[in-house]
Protein backbone atom coordinates (compact mmCIF):
# COMPACT_ATOMS: atom_id res chain seq x y z
CA MET A 1 -51.12 48.01 -74.50
CA PRO A 2 -52.50 48.72 -78.02
CA ARG A 3 -53.17 45.69 -80.16
CA ARG A 4 -50.64 44.56 -82.72
CA TYR A 5 -51.52 44.52 -86.40
CA PHE A 6 -52.16 41.88 -89.02
CA ILE A 7 -52.14 42.00 -92.82
CA GLY A 8 -55.58 41.42 -94.27
CA LYS A 9 -55.93 38.76 -96.96
CA LYS A 10 -58.19 39.30 -99.97
CA GLY A 11 -60.89 36.69 -100.38
CA ALA A 12 -60.57 35.49 -96.78
CA PRO A 13 -63.23 37.42 -94.80
CA LEU A 14 -63.57 34.79 -92.05
CA ARG A 15 -59.81 34.72 -91.48
CA ASN A 16 -59.66 38.50 -91.31
CA LEU A 17 -62.63 38.62 -88.95
CA ALA A 18 -61.08 36.06 -86.61
CA LEU A 19 -57.77 37.90 -86.50
CA SER A 20 -59.52 41.22 -85.85
CA PHE A 21 -60.57 40.00 -82.39
CA PHE A 22 -56.94 39.92 -81.30
CA ARG A 23 -55.18 42.29 -83.66
CA LYS A 24 -55.87 45.37 -85.74
CA GLU A 25 -55.95 45.12 -89.52
CA THR A 26 -53.37 47.21 -91.37
CA PRO A 27 -55.35 50.08 -92.92
CA ALA A 28 -55.59 50.42 -96.69
CA PHE A 29 -54.16 53.92 -96.32
CA PRO A 30 -51.97 55.25 -93.48
CA ASP A 31 -53.74 56.74 -90.48
CA THR A 32 -50.94 59.28 -89.95
CA VAL A 33 -48.67 61.02 -92.45
CA LEU A 34 -45.51 62.94 -91.59
CA LEU A 35 -44.92 65.58 -94.23
CA GLU A 36 -41.55 67.37 -94.24
CA THR A 37 -41.98 70.68 -96.09
CA ALA A 38 -38.37 71.85 -95.67
CA SER A 39 -35.14 70.38 -94.35
CA GLY A 40 -33.01 71.64 -91.48
CA CYS A 41 -33.14 72.14 -87.72
CA ASN A 42 -31.81 74.92 -85.50
CA GLY A 43 -31.34 72.68 -82.47
CA LEU A 44 -28.65 70.11 -81.69
CA CYS A 45 -30.50 68.06 -79.10
CA VAL A 46 -28.39 65.45 -77.34
CA PHE A 47 -30.96 62.69 -77.91
CA CYS A 48 -31.05 63.29 -81.68
CA PRO A 49 -28.36 62.34 -84.24
CA TYR A 50 -28.89 65.52 -86.26
CA GLU A 51 -25.58 67.18 -85.33
CA ALA A 52 -23.57 64.15 -86.45
CA ILE A 53 -25.43 63.57 -89.72
CA ARG A 54 -26.62 67.00 -90.85
CA GLU A 55 -23.81 67.58 -93.38
CA SER A 56 -24.67 64.38 -95.22
CA LEU A 57 -28.43 64.94 -95.30
CA PRO A 58 -30.21 66.17 -98.45
CA LYS A 59 -31.28 69.80 -98.14
CA GLY A 60 -34.08 71.82 -99.66
CA ARG A 61 -37.74 72.81 -99.58
CA MET A 62 -40.68 70.85 -100.96
CA ASP A 63 -41.79 71.95 -104.40
CA ASP A 64 -45.24 73.59 -104.35
CA ALA A 65 -46.56 71.30 -107.07
CA LEU A 66 -45.42 68.19 -105.20
CA PHE A 67 -46.91 69.52 -101.97
CA GLY A 68 -50.23 70.20 -103.68
CA ARG A 69 -50.35 66.74 -105.24
CA ILE A 70 -49.63 65.08 -101.90
CA VAL A 71 -52.25 67.09 -100.03
CA ASP A 72 -54.84 66.33 -102.71
CA GLU A 73 -54.28 62.60 -102.26
CA LEU A 74 -54.36 62.90 -98.46
CA ALA A 75 -57.66 64.75 -98.76
CA ALA A 76 -59.11 62.14 -101.12
CA HIS A 77 -58.31 59.39 -98.58
CA ARG A 78 -59.45 61.47 -95.60
CA VAL A 79 -56.23 60.80 -93.73
CA LYS A 80 -56.72 60.97 -89.97
CA LYS A 81 -53.65 62.99 -89.00
CA ILE A 82 -50.94 65.05 -90.69
CA ILE A 83 -47.72 65.95 -88.85
CA PRO A 84 -45.75 68.53 -90.87
CA CYS A 85 -42.23 67.45 -89.96
CA PHE A 86 -39.58 64.73 -90.16
CA ILE A 87 -35.94 65.46 -89.26
CA ASN A 88 -36.48 69.22 -89.20
CA GLU A 89 -37.84 72.17 -87.29
CA PRO A 90 -41.08 72.94 -89.18
CA LEU A 91 -41.07 76.66 -88.39
CA LEU A 92 -37.83 77.10 -90.36
CA ASP A 93 -40.06 76.87 -93.43
CA PRO A 94 -41.13 80.50 -94.03
CA HIS A 95 -44.21 79.25 -95.87
CA LEU A 96 -45.32 76.76 -93.24
CA CYS A 97 -48.43 78.66 -92.15
CA ASP A 98 -49.52 79.07 -95.77
CA ARG A 99 -49.12 75.35 -96.25
CA LEU A 100 -51.02 74.55 -93.05
CA ALA A 101 -53.82 76.75 -94.36
CA ILE A 102 -53.92 74.68 -97.58
CA ILE A 103 -54.05 71.47 -95.56
CA ARG A 104 -56.85 72.86 -93.39
CA GLN A 105 -58.84 73.92 -96.46
CA LYS A 106 -58.46 70.65 -98.36
CA CYS A 107 -58.40 68.18 -95.45
CA ALA A 108 -61.24 69.52 -93.34
CA GLY A 109 -61.62 66.49 -91.08
CA THR A 110 -57.92 65.81 -90.60
CA ILE A 111 -56.06 66.45 -87.35
CA ILE A 112 -53.11 68.79 -87.91
CA SER A 113 -50.45 68.02 -85.32
CA LEU A 114 -47.60 70.54 -85.26
CA THR A 115 -44.42 69.35 -83.55
CA THR A 116 -41.85 72.06 -82.84
CA ASN A 117 -39.13 73.16 -80.45
CA ALA A 118 -40.98 76.52 -80.28
CA SER A 119 -37.78 78.57 -80.60
CA LEU A 120 -39.30 80.29 -83.65
CA LEU A 121 -42.88 80.39 -82.36
CA THR A 122 -43.13 84.18 -82.42
CA GLU A 123 -46.27 86.03 -81.37
CA LYS A 124 -47.03 86.76 -85.04
CA ILE A 125 -46.93 83.06 -85.92
CA ALA A 126 -48.80 82.13 -82.73
CA ARG A 127 -51.64 84.52 -83.55
CA ARG A 128 -51.95 83.24 -87.10
CA ILE A 129 -52.04 79.61 -85.95
CA LEU A 130 -54.75 80.45 -83.42
CA GLU A 131 -56.80 82.86 -85.53
CA GLU A 132 -56.82 80.65 -88.63
CA ASN A 133 -57.12 77.34 -86.73
CA LEU A 134 -53.98 75.95 -88.35
CA ALA A 135 -53.31 73.26 -85.75
CA ASP A 136 -55.38 70.90 -83.62
CA GLU A 137 -52.39 69.75 -81.59
CA LEU A 138 -49.20 71.57 -80.69
CA ASN A 139 -46.43 69.29 -79.42
CA ILE A 140 -43.50 71.24 -78.01
CA SER A 141 -40.12 69.64 -77.31
CA PHE A 142 -38.81 71.36 -74.18
CA GLN A 143 -36.08 69.64 -72.18
CA GLY A 144 -36.02 70.55 -68.51
CA LEU A 145 -37.22 73.39 -66.30
CA SER A 146 -33.94 75.24 -65.70
CA ARG A 147 -31.74 77.10 -68.13
CA GLU A 148 -28.78 74.86 -67.33
CA THR A 149 -30.68 71.64 -68.03
CA TYR A 150 -32.46 72.96 -71.12
CA GLU A 151 -29.38 74.37 -72.83
CA ALA A 152 -27.30 71.30 -71.98
CA SER A 153 -30.01 69.15 -73.60
CA MET A 154 -30.88 71.41 -76.56
CA PRO A 155 -27.67 73.23 -77.59
CA GLY A 156 -28.20 76.08 -80.01
CA LEU A 157 -31.54 77.14 -78.51
CA SER A 158 -32.25 79.84 -75.92
CA PHE A 159 -34.08 78.71 -72.78
CA GLN A 160 -35.48 82.13 -71.92
CA ARG A 161 -36.60 83.08 -75.43
CA THR A 162 -38.25 79.75 -76.05
CA LEU A 163 -39.98 79.68 -72.68
CA GLU A 164 -41.40 83.15 -73.35
CA ASN A 165 -42.63 81.95 -76.76
CA VAL A 166 -44.49 79.05 -75.16
CA LYS A 167 -45.93 81.19 -72.37
CA ARG A 168 -47.11 83.81 -74.86
CA PHE A 169 -48.79 81.21 -77.05
CA LEU A 170 -50.65 79.84 -74.04
CA GLU A 171 -51.60 83.35 -72.90
CA ILE A 172 -53.05 84.23 -76.31
CA ARG A 173 -54.92 80.91 -76.46
CA GLY A 174 -56.35 81.65 -73.02
CA ARG A 175 -58.97 79.33 -71.62
CA ASN A 176 -59.59 77.73 -74.98
CA VAL A 177 -58.44 74.09 -75.05
CA HIS A 178 -57.88 74.21 -78.82
CA PRO A 179 -55.29 73.49 -79.98
CA LYS A 180 -54.26 70.99 -77.34
CA VAL A 181 -50.72 71.84 -76.21
CA THR A 182 -48.44 69.06 -74.98
CA VAL A 183 -44.89 69.70 -73.83
CA THR A 184 -42.62 66.68 -74.28
CA ALA A 185 -39.24 65.74 -72.87
CA VAL A 186 -37.09 62.77 -73.82
CA GLU A 187 -36.01 60.94 -70.69
CA THR A 188 -32.26 61.40 -70.31
CA ASN A 189 -29.94 61.58 -67.34
CA ILE A 190 -29.68 65.33 -67.93
CA VAL A 191 -33.38 66.05 -67.35
CA GLN A 192 -34.15 63.20 -64.96
CA ALA A 193 -34.00 65.31 -61.77
CA GLU A 194 -36.56 67.82 -63.11
CA LEU A 195 -39.16 65.43 -64.54
CA ASP A 196 -41.21 65.07 -61.35
CA GLU A 197 -41.89 68.79 -61.19
CA ALA A 198 -42.59 69.21 -64.89
CA PRO A 199 -46.27 68.10 -65.05
CA ALA A 200 -47.41 70.62 -62.43
CA PHE A 201 -45.24 73.39 -63.90
CA TRP A 202 -46.73 73.05 -67.37
CA ARG A 203 -50.25 72.43 -66.12
CA ARG A 204 -50.20 75.79 -64.35
CA LEU A 205 -49.44 77.41 -67.70
CA GLY A 206 -52.16 75.48 -69.53
CA ALA A 207 -50.26 72.63 -71.17
CA GLU A 208 -50.03 68.90 -70.67
CA PHE A 209 -46.68 67.19 -70.15
CA LYS A 210 -45.43 63.88 -71.52
CA VAL A 211 -42.16 61.98 -71.08
CA LEU A 212 -40.83 60.20 -74.17
CA PRO A 213 -38.44 57.24 -73.96
CA PHE A 214 -34.86 57.56 -75.17
CA GLU A 215 -34.35 55.65 -78.42
CA THR A 216 -31.42 55.16 -80.75
CA ARG A 217 -33.39 56.33 -83.80
CA SER A 218 -32.43 53.63 -86.28
CA GLY A 219 -29.05 53.29 -84.57
CA ASP A 220 -27.89 56.78 -85.59
CA VAL A 221 -27.75 58.03 -81.98
CA GLN A 222 -24.36 56.78 -80.85
CA GLY A 223 -22.29 59.56 -79.30
CA SER A 224 -25.19 60.50 -77.03
CA LEU A 225 -25.89 57.02 -75.66
CA LYS A 226 -24.18 58.17 -72.47
CA HIS A 227 -27.28 60.28 -71.81
CA ALA A 228 -29.66 57.30 -71.78
CA ASP A 229 -30.96 56.96 -68.23
CA ARG A 230 -31.65 53.23 -68.41
CA GLU A 231 -30.96 50.05 -70.36
CA LEU A 232 -31.93 50.01 -74.04
CA SER A 233 -33.63 47.02 -75.63
CA PRO A 234 -33.92 46.05 -79.31
CA VAL A 235 -37.24 46.97 -80.91
CA LEU A 236 -38.83 43.61 -81.66
CA PHE A 237 -42.15 44.97 -82.85
CA CYS A 238 -42.96 48.46 -84.11
CA ARG A 239 -46.38 49.80 -85.06
CA ARG A 240 -45.04 52.61 -87.23
CA PRO A 241 -44.88 50.69 -90.56
CA PHE A 242 -48.47 49.58 -89.96
CA ASN A 243 -50.08 52.97 -89.44
CA THR A 244 -47.71 55.82 -90.35
CA LEU A 245 -46.13 57.03 -93.59
CA VAL A 246 -43.29 59.58 -93.84
CA ILE A 247 -42.60 61.88 -96.79
CA THR A 248 -39.33 63.81 -97.06
CA PHE A 249 -39.17 67.28 -98.60
CA ASP A 250 -37.95 65.75 -101.88
CA GLY A 251 -40.68 63.12 -102.05
CA LYS A 252 -38.91 60.03 -100.72
CA VAL A 253 -40.71 57.66 -98.34
CA PRO A 254 -38.41 56.22 -95.66
CA ILE A 255 -39.56 53.31 -93.56
CA CYS A 256 -40.45 55.45 -90.54
CA CYS A 257 -39.99 58.71 -88.63
CA VAL A 258 -36.57 57.77 -87.21
CA ASP A 259 -34.91 56.62 -90.43
CA TYR A 260 -33.16 59.97 -90.72
CA THR A 261 -30.33 58.72 -92.92
CA ARG A 262 -32.73 56.98 -95.32
CA LYS A 263 -31.45 53.45 -94.84
CA SER A 264 -34.73 51.95 -96.04
CA ILE A 265 -36.53 53.95 -98.74
CA LEU A 266 -39.82 52.26 -99.63
CA GLY A 267 -41.07 54.60 -102.33
CA ASP A 268 -40.92 57.93 -104.16
CA VAL A 269 -43.95 60.22 -104.36
CA ASN A 270 -42.50 61.84 -107.47
CA THR A 271 -43.26 58.67 -109.44
CA GLU A 272 -45.90 56.81 -107.40
CA THR A 273 -49.07 57.57 -105.47
CA LEU A 274 -49.07 57.33 -101.69
CA GLU A 275 -51.66 54.56 -101.89
CA LYS A 276 -49.47 52.51 -104.22
CA ILE A 277 -46.42 52.97 -101.99
CA TRP A 278 -48.33 52.10 -98.82
CA ASN A 279 -49.70 48.88 -100.29
CA GLY A 280 -46.64 48.05 -102.38
CA ALA A 281 -44.25 45.13 -102.01
CA PRO A 282 -41.52 46.98 -100.01
CA PHE A 283 -43.91 48.06 -97.24
CA GLN A 284 -45.60 44.66 -97.18
CA GLU A 285 -42.26 42.90 -96.81
CA VAL A 286 -41.34 45.17 -93.88
CA ARG A 287 -44.62 44.33 -92.16
CA ARG A 288 -44.16 40.60 -92.73
CA ALA A 289 -40.64 40.85 -91.30
CA PHE A 290 -42.01 42.31 -88.07
CA LEU A 291 -44.87 39.82 -87.85
CA GLU A 292 -42.47 36.91 -88.43
CA GLY A 293 -39.83 38.14 -85.97
CA ARG A 294 -37.34 39.16 -88.68
CA ALA A 295 -37.02 42.88 -87.87
CA HIS A 296 -33.24 42.43 -87.55
CA SER A 297 -33.13 41.88 -91.32
CA ILE A 298 -34.32 45.45 -92.05
CA PRO A 299 -31.40 47.92 -92.44
CA ALA A 300 -33.22 50.78 -90.70
CA CYS A 301 -34.48 48.59 -87.85
CA CYS A 302 -31.63 46.24 -86.95
CA ASN A 303 -29.96 48.76 -84.63
CA CYS A 304 -33.09 50.45 -83.33
CA LYS A 305 -33.31 50.30 -79.53
CA VAL A 306 -35.54 51.97 -76.98
CA ALA A 307 -35.39 52.52 -73.23
CA GLU A 308 -37.21 49.84 -71.28
């Protein structure tokens, strides 16, 4: 199990050194940044609260100037990984590839990790991603191996069309292992019967397979709790506030990647730098709450549960 974190204390090098043997120091700048370039999703997955909350969510596309300012700061800090999404399907942004190209140009050493349901991963987009090296990792959410299971899990999306998109991407990539392609499935009682066969199925096509645990996503998943395949436990410690920062299309910084309804906004990139937000009092208080066992006091965390 990865080590937990601690908050470094200025002027106390021996203390920090001693703690580093057992825990990892919170970085001065996030290791990973989720960057939502446009709102909206074309899927209504049963494990996601999007269908129930979409009408109340802010909608829009990130302003080019704001995007440029964010990427410049990420480049200056040599951020380790950028994931261009939040509560959205990234490929709904018609300018996504152009923006990935800007990230690649300015953040040369950064891992670009594209997470998508692949329903819009056309051959044209696939070829551009591959030819221009716009992604180091491609994480594809694909629930199940049969049409019945897939479309029951991901309403609104076509099993056959999406499967052909994924196959075509892997065919064009060929024997090259870059970008690394990982197909993911959230463990629900709908897909459970097909999970054992999934690793071999995707390996034959050239992709890895990973099962993700069902989680309540800040408590917003309620109507779909019937699809959880096992008991859910409260999240007592979470590494996300210690290593990951999320930016919405309009510049807000929620506490983490599952705070879809923005219960805990810790900053605004329109008025502050990412570095200031990351090291500011709101983020520090969240981290102290987790370290002191007070996660239940955080609005976005008090109802967050995950499958055991």
